[in-house]
Amino acid sequence: LSITTMDLGDIYLTTTFFSNFTPRLRKISFEEFWEVVVRCSLVAFQDKKSLTSEIKIKGLFLSIWRHIQSSAADHMNGYGTIAGGGFNTYKGALLRGTQLLNEKFVAAWTKDNYCDYLAPL
């Protein structure tokens, strides 16, 4: 992805500023989260001008899904052991979030015949 941490910070701050700016870190609403996802996909794939915004968003989720598939095992290494932090809340939430994303994304991706959204047309 061609998106930097500076881009992410700018997107987050711009999204929270326009809807309900407060000078402290706060949770974002689902609508704000969705706006961040859309903006991230547009920035990350700005060089792919022939693709629609919808395809760029799907491409972002495919990139996230692929990253999770390749790195989830590393994050869960030692899960359930004292050295690995036991069954702590963070790892449990990470595992559940990964499972939910996997279920939702694969169901949607199946409908699109497992296409590579960002492949040249």
Protein backbone atom coordinates (compact mmCIF):
# COMPACT_ATOMS: atom_id res chain seq x y z
CA LEU A 1 0.00 0.00 0.00
CA SER A 2 1.24 3.46 -0.77
CA ILE A 3 -0.12 5.10 2.36
CA THR A 4 2.11 6.51 5.07
CA THR A 5 1.63 6.94 8.80
CA MET A 6 1.46 10.67 8.13
CA ASP A 7 -1.41 10.04 5.69
CA LEU A 8 -3.20 7.94 8.32
CA GLY A 9 -2.79 10.62 10.97
CA ASP A 10 -4.03 13.31 8.59
CA ILE A 11 -7.05 11.20 7.61
CA TYR A 12 -7.92 10.46 11.24
CA LEU A 13 -7.57 14.06 12.39
CA THR A 14 -9.51 15.41 9.42
CA THR A 15 -12.33 12.94 10.00
CA THR A 16 -12.65 13.65 13.72
CA PHE A 17 -12.24 17.40 13.31
CA PHE A 18 -15.15 17.82 10.91
CA SER A 19 -17.64 15.84 12.95
CA ASN A 20 -16.92 16.57 16.60
CA PHE A 21 -13.52 18.03 17.39
CA THR A 22 -12.28 17.79 20.94
CA PRO A 23 -8.65 18.38 21.93
CA ARG A 24 -8.26 14.86 23.36
CA LEU A 25 -8.04 11.41 21.87
CA ARG A 26 -11.47 9.85 21.61
CA LYS A 27 -13.23 6.89 20.10
CA ILE A 28 -14.70 7.35 16.66
CA SER A 29 -18.21 6.45 15.58
CA PHE A 30 -18.92 3.83 12.94
CA GLU A 31 -19.65 6.58 10.40
CA GLU A 32 -16.27 8.17 11.15
CA PHE A 33 -14.56 4.78 10.93
CA TRP A 34 -16.16 4.16 7.55
CA GLU A 35 -15.02 7.59 6.35
CA VAL A 36 -11.47 6.73 7.45
CA VAL A 37 -11.64 3.44 5.50
CA VAL A 38 -12.86 5.21 2.37
CA ARG A 39 -10.24 7.95 2.62
CA CYS A 40 -7.46 5.41 3.26
CA SER A 41 -8.44 3.42 0.18
CA LEU A 42 -8.54 6.54 -1.99
CA VAL A 43 -5.11 7.69 -0.79
CA ALA A 44 -3.52 4.23 -0.88
CA PHE A 45 -4.62 3.58 -4.45
CA GLN A 46 -4.60 7.09 -5.88
CA ASP A 47 -2.30 5.90 -8.68
CA LYS A 48 -4.97 3.45 -9.89
CA LYS A 49 -7.18 6.03 -11.55
CA SER A 50 -9.15 3.53 -13.63
CA LEU A 51 -10.57 1.82 -10.53
CA THR A 52 -13.80 2.89 -8.87
CA SER A 53 -13.92 3.89 -5.21
CA GLU A 54 -15.79 0.67 -4.44
CA ILE A 55 -13.04 -1.47 -5.96
CA LYS A 56 -10.37 0.53 -4.09
CA ILE A 57 -12.21 -0.10 -0.80
CA LYS A 58 -12.48 -3.81 -1.58
CA GLY A 59 -8.80 -3.78 -2.52
CA LEU A 60 -7.94 -2.21 0.84
CA PHE A 61 -9.85 -4.93 2.67
CA LEU A 62 -8.13 -7.59 0.55
CA SER A 63 -4.75 -6.10 1.49
CA ILE A 64 -5.70 -6.03 5.17
CA TRP A 65 -7.02 -9.60 5.00
CA ARG A 66 -3.84 -10.85 3.30
CA HIS A 67 -1.68 -9.12 5.91
CA ILE A 68 -3.68 -10.66 8.75
CA GLN A 69 -3.42 -14.11 7.17
CA SER A 70 0.36 -13.82 7.01
CA SER A 71 0.89 -12.28 10.45
CA ALA A 72 -1.88 -13.55 12.75
CA ALA A 73 0.12 -16.60 13.77
CA ASP A 74 3.03 -14.40 14.83
CA HIS A 75 0.76 -12.29 17.04
CA MET A 76 -0.85 -15.33 18.60
CA ASN A 77 2.46 -17.09 19.26
CA GLY A 78 2.50 -18.19 22.87
CA TYR A 79 -1.24 -17.61 23.27
CA GLY A 80 -2.47 -19.35 26.40
CA THR A 81 0.94 -19.64 28.04
CA ILE A 82 2.28 -17.63 30.94
CA ALA A 83 5.21 -16.47 28.78
CA GLY A 84 2.76 -15.39 26.07
CA GLY A 85 0.65 -13.39 28.49
CA GLY A 86 -1.89 -16.09 29.20
CA PHE A 87 -5.41 -15.69 27.89
CA ASN A 88 -5.34 -11.91 28.14
CA THR A 89 -8.07 -9.67 26.81
CA TYR A 90 -5.95 -8.08 24.08
CA LYS A 91 -5.13 -11.39 22.41
CA GLY A 92 -8.68 -12.61 22.80
CA ALA A 93 -10.06 -9.45 21.21
CA LEU A 94 -7.45 -9.65 18.44
CA LEU A 95 -8.38 -13.25 17.74
CA ARG A 96 -12.12 -12.48 17.70
CA GLY A 97 -11.67 -9.41 15.51
CA THR A 98 -9.57 -11.45 13.09
CA GLN A 99 -12.22 -14.17 12.99
CA LEU A 100 -15.01 -11.67 12.30
CA LEU A 101 -13.07 -9.90 9.55
CA ASN A 102 -12.20 -13.26 8.00
CA GLU A 103 -15.84 -14.41 8.00
CA LYS A 104 -17.23 -11.15 6.60
CA PHE A 105 -14.51 -10.56 4.02
CA VAL A 106 -14.40 -14.13 2.70
CA ALA A 107 -18.21 -14.14 2.33
CA ALA A 108 -18.06 -10.93 0.28
CA TRP A 109 -14.97 -12.03 -1.64
CA THR A 110 -16.66 -15.33 -2.54
CA LYS A 111 -19.45 -13.38 -4.24
CA ASP A 112 -16.77 -11.65 -6.34
CA ASN A 113 -15.22 -15.03 -7.31
CA TYR A 114 -12.07 -14.35 -5.26
CA CYS A 115 -10.87 -11.72 -7.71
CA ASP A 116 -7.77 -9.61 -7.18
CA TYR A 117 -9.46 -6.22 -7.07
CA LEU A 118 -6.30 -4.29 -7.82
CA ALA A 119 -5.05 -6.43 -10.71
CA PRO A 120 -4.78 -4.61 -14.03
CA LEU A 121 -7.95 -4.90 -16.06
